[in-house]
Amino acid sequence: MNFKTIPKNGASWRERLLYELEFEEGEQLVDVEIYDQITQTVIAKLRLYGDSISELDIAPYIRTAMAKRDKIAVTNITISPCSDACRITLITNGVSSVPRLYFREDISALSPKVLSAVAEQATIANGEVIRLTVYALESISMTLMQPVAAGGVKTLNYRTNGVPCEVVVPVSRVVDGERIAVSIRCDGGAMVTHSFRVVSREKSAYRLAWINESGGVECGSFAQSVKRSLEVKFEEVESQEGWYRRIVSSKLIRRLSICGVTQREMDRLLGLFLSPVIYRCVGAGAQQVRLLTDEVAFDEHGRLRKLEFDIEEEWKGGDK
């Protein structure tokens, strides 16, 4: 068995990832493992039948594996590989393909940089999380400057081996009006600093995370203007005690909005309309939600002064 062609390094698993496998003479049955070197797990095991050359698109198997991975969960200040990155090698009959890095977006032509487009001057609230996606070929250095009461100055260094990473900083114990600065250096290059002013947000603020066109995670907090509808479906179930109703599915639709931000920030927020997936950030975890709005209205000058849209989420009871 030989690997005649393999995809380019840095390709997106949202597109086809086609391998051409060339069978040896008389070799008609081959077992193939799709192995992720980052997580050290087998994503899929396949059995191929062929006479000479067989084509295998592994993208669907990677997408299935990615859907099962934890998303943007966070407990402390970290630099760690993106959960949506994998370094794949195909293993068959003792032969391994050259490892290839695949990501949620194509990064094959990218230079090392911060992939998230958050402004260098931004706001954040206690209980929220600063999240920056960073791509470096070799290393990332991060310096965090925050008030002493929140933990003071911290420095982290991480060897990336070319894998996109998430820089994560949970914000807590910071007085409103104070600032937190996160400085990032990729591969020993120039330092890029993002400064966040801590502000108060309404308890009902609704925080979303989405993916931009470069594969970077973006976050934004929105006001909830109204809960538009609640749909709960039941089924009748018979038990020894009699009949009862069991919830089959429950969906809540919320209307979110934001205004009073710069045009650059509004352009960044508009990226959620193009994101392949959107999450609601809840504490240290995330819940996938669905965007229901498919258009926005600009004013006569071509500017968007208020962004308003509807989100559908799974309802788990309560008013949160």
Protein backbone atom coordinates (compact mmCIF):
# COMPACT_ATOMS: atom_id res chain seq x y z
CA MET A 1 0.00 0.00 0.00
CA ASN A 2 1.29 3.45 -0.98
CA PHE A 3 -0.17 6.93 -0.54
CA LYS A 4 -0.14 8.39 -4.04
CA THR A 5 -1.52 11.84 -3.12
CA ILE A 6 -2.49 13.49 0.17
CA PRO A 7 -4.11 16.88 0.98
CA LYS A 8 -2.06 20.00 1.63
CA ASN A 9 -0.97 20.88 5.14
CA GLY A 10 -3.26 23.41 6.85
CA ALA A 11 -6.36 22.55 4.80
CA SER A 12 -9.88 22.86 6.20
CA TRP A 13 -11.81 19.77 7.25
CA ARG A 14 -14.97 21.57 6.14
CA GLU A 15 -13.81 20.83 2.57
CA ARG A 16 -12.86 17.53 0.93
CA LEU A 17 -9.64 15.93 2.18
CA LEU A 18 -8.90 13.40 -0.52
CA TYR A 19 -6.26 10.68 -0.19
CA GLU A 20 -5.32 8.42 -3.09
CA LEU A 21 -4.22 4.97 -1.93
CA GLU A 22 -2.38 2.69 -4.33
CA PHE A 23 -2.82 -1.02 -3.69
CA GLU A 24 -0.04 -3.53 -4.12
CA GLU A 25 -0.58 -6.28 -6.66
CA GLY A 26 -2.99 -8.84 -5.25
CA GLU A 27 -3.89 -6.58 -2.31
CA GLN A 28 -7.68 -6.20 -2.36
CA LEU A 29 -8.59 -5.70 1.30
CA VAL A 30 -6.98 -2.99 3.44
CA ASP A 31 -7.76 -1.77 6.97
CA VAL A 32 -7.14 1.95 7.50
CA GLU A 33 -6.95 3.92 10.74
CA ILE A 34 -7.43 7.71 10.77
CA TYR A 35 -5.20 8.75 13.68
CA ASP A 36 -5.02 12.18 15.34
CA GLN A 37 -1.54 12.82 16.73
CA ILE A 38 -2.67 15.80 18.84
CA THR A 39 -5.21 13.88 20.92
CA GLN A 40 -3.52 10.51 20.31
CA THR A 41 -6.84 8.95 19.36
CA VAL A 42 -8.15 6.94 16.43
CA ILE A 43 -10.88 8.98 14.75
CA ALA A 44 -12.13 6.16 12.55
CA LYS A 45 -11.35 2.63 11.39
CA LEU A 46 -12.19 1.74 7.79
CA ARG A 47 -11.96 -1.30 5.53
CA LEU A 48 -11.25 -0.57 1.87
CA TYR A 49 -11.71 -2.84 -1.13
CA GLY A 50 -10.00 -2.13 -4.43
CA ASP A 51 -7.99 -3.34 -7.39
CA SER A 52 -5.35 -0.67 -7.95
CA ILE A 53 -6.13 2.87 -6.66
CA SER A 54 -8.73 3.86 -4.10
CA GLU A 55 -9.82 7.41 -3.20
CA LEU A 56 -10.71 8.23 0.39
CA ASP A 57 -12.20 11.52 1.59
CA ILE A 58 -11.54 11.65 5.34
CA ALA A 59 -13.24 15.03 5.97
CA PRO A 60 -16.64 13.54 6.99
CA TYR A 61 -14.95 11.39 9.64
CA ILE A 62 -13.07 14.39 11.05
CA ARG A 63 -16.25 16.50 11.12
CA THR A 64 -18.02 13.74 13.06
CA ALA A 65 -15.16 13.59 15.56
CA MET A 66 -15.05 17.38 15.94
CA ALA A 67 -18.77 17.55 16.67
CA LYS A 68 -18.20 15.35 19.73
CA ARG A 69 -15.34 17.36 21.21
CA ASP A 70 -15.82 19.83 24.03
CA LYS A 71 -16.01 23.39 22.75
CA ILE A 72 -14.43 26.46 24.31
CA ALA A 73 -14.60 25.04 27.84
CA VAL A 74 -12.33 26.92 30.23
CA THR A 75 -11.37 26.77 33.89
CA ASN A 76 -8.20 28.89 34.20
CA ILE A 77 -5.62 30.96 32.33
CA THR A 78 -4.27 28.73 29.57
CA ILE A 79 -2.70 28.41 26.16
CA SER A 80 -3.84 25.15 24.58
CA PRO A 81 -4.39 23.63 21.12
CA CYS A 82 -7.70 24.50 19.50
CA SER A 83 -10.19 21.68 19.92
CA ASP A 84 -11.00 22.02 16.21
CA ALA A 85 -7.40 21.29 15.14
CA CYS A 86 -6.07 17.84 14.34
CA ARG A 87 -2.85 16.40 12.93
CA ILE A 88 -3.84 13.36 10.93
CA THR A 89 -1.90 10.38 9.71
CA LEU A 90 -3.45 7.38 7.95
CA ILE A 91 -2.11 4.02 9.08
CA THR A 92 -2.55 0.87 7.04
CA ASN A 93 -0.66 -2.43 6.98
CA GLY A 94 2.24 -0.89 8.89
CA VAL A 95 2.50 2.08 6.49
CA SER A 96 1.77 5.63 7.71
CA SER A 97 1.06 8.71 5.63
CA VAL A 98 2.91 11.98 6.18
CA PRO A 99 1.11 13.82 9.03
CA ARG A 100 -1.10 16.71 7.93
CA LEU A 101 -2.56 19.48 10.08
CA TYR A 102 -6.24 20.23 9.43
CA PHE A 103 -8.27 23.06 10.95
CA ARG A 104 -11.80 24.47 10.84
CA GLU A 105 -10.61 26.98 8.21
CA ASP A 106 -7.81 26.82 5.63
CA ILE A 107 -4.62 28.20 7.24
CA SER A 108 -2.18 26.87 4.67
CA ALA A 109 -1.22 30.37 3.48
CA LEU A 110 -1.43 32.21 6.81
CA SER A 111 1.50 33.86 8.53
CA PRO A 112 1.76 33.67 12.34
CA LYS A 113 -0.71 36.08 13.95
CA VAL A 114 -3.72 36.51 16.23
CA LEU A 115 -6.66 35.11 14.24
CA SER A 116 -9.34 36.67 16.43
CA ALA A 117 -10.30 40.17 15.25
CA VAL A 118 -11.11 41.74 18.63
CA ALA A 119 -10.04 45.40 18.79
CA GLU A 120 -6.86 46.34 20.63
CA GLN A 121 -9.10 48.44 22.93
CA ALA A 122 -12.18 46.50 24.07
CA THR A 123 -14.44 45.90 27.07
CA ILE A 124 -15.00 42.84 29.24
CA ALA A 125 -17.02 42.08 32.39
CA ASN A 126 -16.30 40.02 35.48
CA GLY A 127 -17.43 36.47 34.86
CA GLU A 128 -16.67 36.70 31.13
CA VAL A 129 -13.68 35.22 29.34
CA ILE A 130 -11.07 36.80 27.09
CA ARG A 131 -10.50 34.36 24.25
CA LEU A 132 -7.97 34.82 21.44
CA THR A 133 -7.15 32.30 18.72
CA VAL A 134 -3.46 32.47 17.81
CA TYR A 135 -1.52 30.80 15.01
CA ALA A 136 2.23 30.35 15.35
CA LEU A 137 4.60 27.94 13.66
CA GLU A 138 6.74 27.34 16.74
CA SER A 139 5.84 29.26 19.88
CA ILE A 140 3.43 31.65 21.59
CA SER A 141 4.33 33.93 24.49
CA MET A 142 1.56 35.60 26.48
CA THR A 143 1.94 38.25 29.18
CA LEU A 144 -1.12 39.10 31.23
CA MET A 145 -1.17 42.36 33.17
CA GLN A 146 -4.05 42.66 35.62
CA PRO A 147 -4.67 44.22 39.04
CA VAL A 148 -2.93 42.56 41.98
CA ALA A 149 -6.28 41.59 43.48
CA ALA A 150 -7.06 39.61 40.32
CA GLY A 151 -3.72 37.79 40.28
CA GLY A 152 -1.17 40.34 39.06
CA VAL A 153 1.23 39.78 36.17
CA LYS A 154 1.42 36.32 34.62
CA THR A 155 3.50 34.99 31.74
CA LEU A 156 2.88 31.81 29.74
CA ASN A 157 5.00 30.25 27.00
CA TYR A 158 3.79 27.46 24.76
CA ARG A 159 5.34 25.37 21.98
CA THR A 160 2.70 25.12 19.26
CA ASN A 161 4.31 22.77 16.71
CA GLY A 162 2.29 24.65 14.12
CA VAL A 163 -1.11 23.95 15.75
CA PRO A 164 -3.52 26.93 16.19
CA CYS A 165 -4.07 27.63 19.87
CA GLU A 166 -6.55 29.36 22.16
CA VAL A 167 -5.30 31.93 24.66
CA VAL A 168 -7.90 31.96 27.44
CA VAL A 169 -8.16 34.43 30.33
CA PRO A 170 -11.19 34.25 32.67
CA VAL A 171 -11.93 37.64 34.23
CA SER A 172 -12.79 37.88 37.93
CA ARG A 173 -12.20 40.10 40.96
CA VAL A 174 -11.50 43.19 38.85
CA VAL A 175 -13.02 46.54 39.81
CA ASP A 176 -15.12 48.27 37.14
CA GLY A 177 -13.03 50.77 35.22
CA GLU A 178 -9.73 48.94 35.69
CA ARG A 179 -7.91 47.41 32.75
CA ILE A 180 -6.50 44.03 31.80
CA ALA A 181 -3.82 43.82 29.12
CA VAL A 182 -3.04 40.65 27.15
CA SER A 183 0.17 40.79 25.10
CA ILE A 184 0.86 38.09 22.49
CA ARG A 185 4.12 37.31 20.70
CA CYS A 186 4.20 34.72 17.89
CA ASP A 187 7.47 32.98 17.01
CA GLY A 188 9.51 35.71 18.71
CA GLY A 189 8.05 38.45 16.49
CA ALA A 190 6.48 41.77 17.38
CA MET A 191 4.29 41.98 20.48
CA VAL A 192 0.57 42.63 19.97
CA THR A 193 -1.31 43.95 22.99
CA HIS A 194 -5.09 43.87 23.57
CA SER A 195 -6.33 46.09 26.40
CA PHE A 196 -9.71 45.37 28.02
CA ARG A 197 -11.55 47.83 30.24
CA VAL A 198 -13.69 46.05 32.81
CA VAL A 199 -17.33 47.21 32.75
CA SER A 200 -20.61 46.27 34.41
CA ARG A 201 -23.08 44.30 32.30
CA GLU A 202 -26.70 43.55 32.91
CA LYS A 203 -27.33 40.16 34.50
CA SER A 204 -29.42 39.34 31.45
CA ALA A 205 -26.50 39.95 29.06
CA TYR A 206 -26.25 37.11 26.53
CA ARG A 207 -22.70 36.22 25.43
CA LEU A 208 -22.02 34.47 22.14
CA ALA A 209 -18.94 32.92 20.56
CA TRP A 210 -18.52 32.29 16.84
CA ILE A 211 -15.85 31.56 14.23
CA ASN A 212 -14.50 34.22 11.85
CA GLU A 213 -13.31 33.66 8.29
CA SER A 214 -9.73 32.99 9.47
CA GLY A 215 -10.81 30.34 11.95
CA GLY A 216 -10.44 32.58 15.00
CA VAL A 217 -12.93 32.56 17.87
CA GLU A 218 -14.85 35.82 18.36
CA CYS A 219 -16.95 36.71 21.41
CA GLY A 220 -19.57 39.37 22.02
CA SER A 221 -22.17 40.28 24.65
CA PHE A 222 -25.67 41.28 23.59
CA ALA A 223 -28.77 42.65 25.27
CA GLN A 224 -31.88 40.48 25.43
CA SER A 225 -34.78 42.61 24.28
CA VAL A 226 -37.50 39.95 24.46
CA LYS A 227 -38.13 36.21 24.61
CA ARG A 228 -40.06 35.68 21.42
CA SER A 229 -41.44 32.16 21.84
CA LEU A 230 -41.15 28.89 23.69
CA GLU A 231 -41.98 25.58 22.04
CA VAL A 232 -42.19 22.38 24.07
CA LYS A 233 -43.12 19.01 22.58
CA PHE A 234 -44.39 16.14 24.73
CA GLU A 235 -45.14 12.48 24.28
CA GLU A 236 -47.57 10.37 26.27
CA VAL A 237 -45.83 7.57 28.21
CA GLU A 238 -47.58 4.75 30.05
CA SER A 239 -46.19 3.51 33.36
CA GLN A 240 -47.42 1.36 36.24
CA GLU A 241 -48.70 4.51 37.91
CA GLY A 242 -50.63 5.57 34.79
CA TRP A 243 -50.01 7.93 31.91
CA TYR A 244 -47.69 10.92 32.08
CA ARG A 245 -46.22 13.43 29.67
CA ARG A 246 -42.49 13.44 28.92
CA ILE A 247 -40.70 16.35 27.27
CA VAL A 248 -39.32 15.31 23.87
CA SER A 249 -37.85 18.66 22.84
CA SER A 250 -37.95 22.27 24.00
CA LYS A 251 -36.80 25.36 22.13
CA LEU A 252 -36.63 28.95 23.26
CA ILE A 253 -36.25 31.86 20.82
CA ARG A 254 -34.63 35.04 22.10
CA ARG A 255 -34.20 38.40 20.38
CA LEU A 256 -30.74 39.89 20.92
CA SER A 257 -29.44 43.33 20.02
CA ILE A 258 -26.48 45.66 20.31
CA CYS A 259 -25.91 49.30 19.42
CA GLY A 260 -23.63 52.18 20.33
CA VAL A 261 -20.41 50.47 19.21
CA THR A 262 -17.84 51.56 16.65
CA GLN A 263 -18.28 50.67 13.01
CA ARG A 264 -15.22 48.42 13.20
CA GLU A 265 -16.76 46.55 16.12
CA MET A 266 -20.10 46.29 14.31
CA ASP A 267 -18.30 44.79 11.29
CA ARG A 268 -16.69 42.21 13.60
CA LEU A 269 -20.04 41.32 15.16
CA LEU A 270 -21.58 40.87 11.73
CA GLY A 271 -19.20 37.94 11.28
CA LEU A 272 -21.52 35.77 13.35
CA PHE A 273 -23.91 35.73 10.35
CA LEU A 274 -21.19 33.93 8.36
CA SER A 275 -20.01 31.63 11.12
CA PRO A 276 -20.46 27.88 10.58
CA VAL A 277 -21.36 27.46 14.26
CA ILE A 278 -22.45 29.72 17.13
CA TYR A 279 -22.28 29.04 20.87
CA ARG A 280 -23.77 30.65 23.92
CA CYS A 281 -21.06 31.11 26.57
CA VAL A 282 -22.32 30.06 29.98
CA GLY A 283 -19.70 30.17 32.71
CA ALA A 284 -16.93 27.75 31.82
CA GLY A 285 -18.93 25.93 29.16
CA ALA A 286 -20.77 26.50 25.92
CA GLN A 287 -24.12 25.58 24.42
CA GLN A 288 -24.64 25.51 20.67
CA VAL A 289 -27.43 27.80 19.46
CA ARG A 290 -28.98 28.49 16.06
CA LEU A 291 -29.17 31.85 14.30
CA LEU A 292 -32.65 32.38 12.86
CA THR A 293 -32.17 35.83 11.31
CA ASP A 294 -30.75 35.81 7.78
CA GLU A 295 -30.65 39.52 6.92
CA VAL A 296 -29.86 42.91 8.45
CA ALA A 297 -30.87 46.43 7.39
CA PHE A 298 -28.33 49.22 6.81
CA ASP A 299 -29.20 52.92 6.90
CA GLU A 300 -29.13 55.28 3.91
CA HIS A 301 -25.40 55.83 4.43
CA GLY A 302 -24.61 52.12 4.30
CA ARG A 303 -24.01 51.87 8.05
CA LEU A 304 -25.44 49.48 10.57
CA ARG A 305 -26.19 51.36 13.77
CA LYS A 306 -28.11 48.59 15.55
CA LEU A 307 -27.73 44.86 15.13
CA GLU A 308 -30.82 42.83 16.05
CA PHE A 309 -31.38 39.12 15.50
CA ASP A 310 -33.12 36.01 16.83
CA ILE A 311 -31.39 33.01 18.43
CA GLU A 312 -32.90 29.57 19.07
CA GLU A 313 -31.58 27.48 21.93
CA GLU A 314 -32.52 24.35 23.78
CA TRP A 315 -34.66 25.30 26.76
CA LYS A 316 -33.76 23.58 30.03
CA GLY A 317 -36.32 25.25 32.24
CA GLY A 318 -36.11 28.44 34.27
CA ASP A 319 -35.68 31.99 33.05
CA LYS A 320 -31.93 32.13 32.26
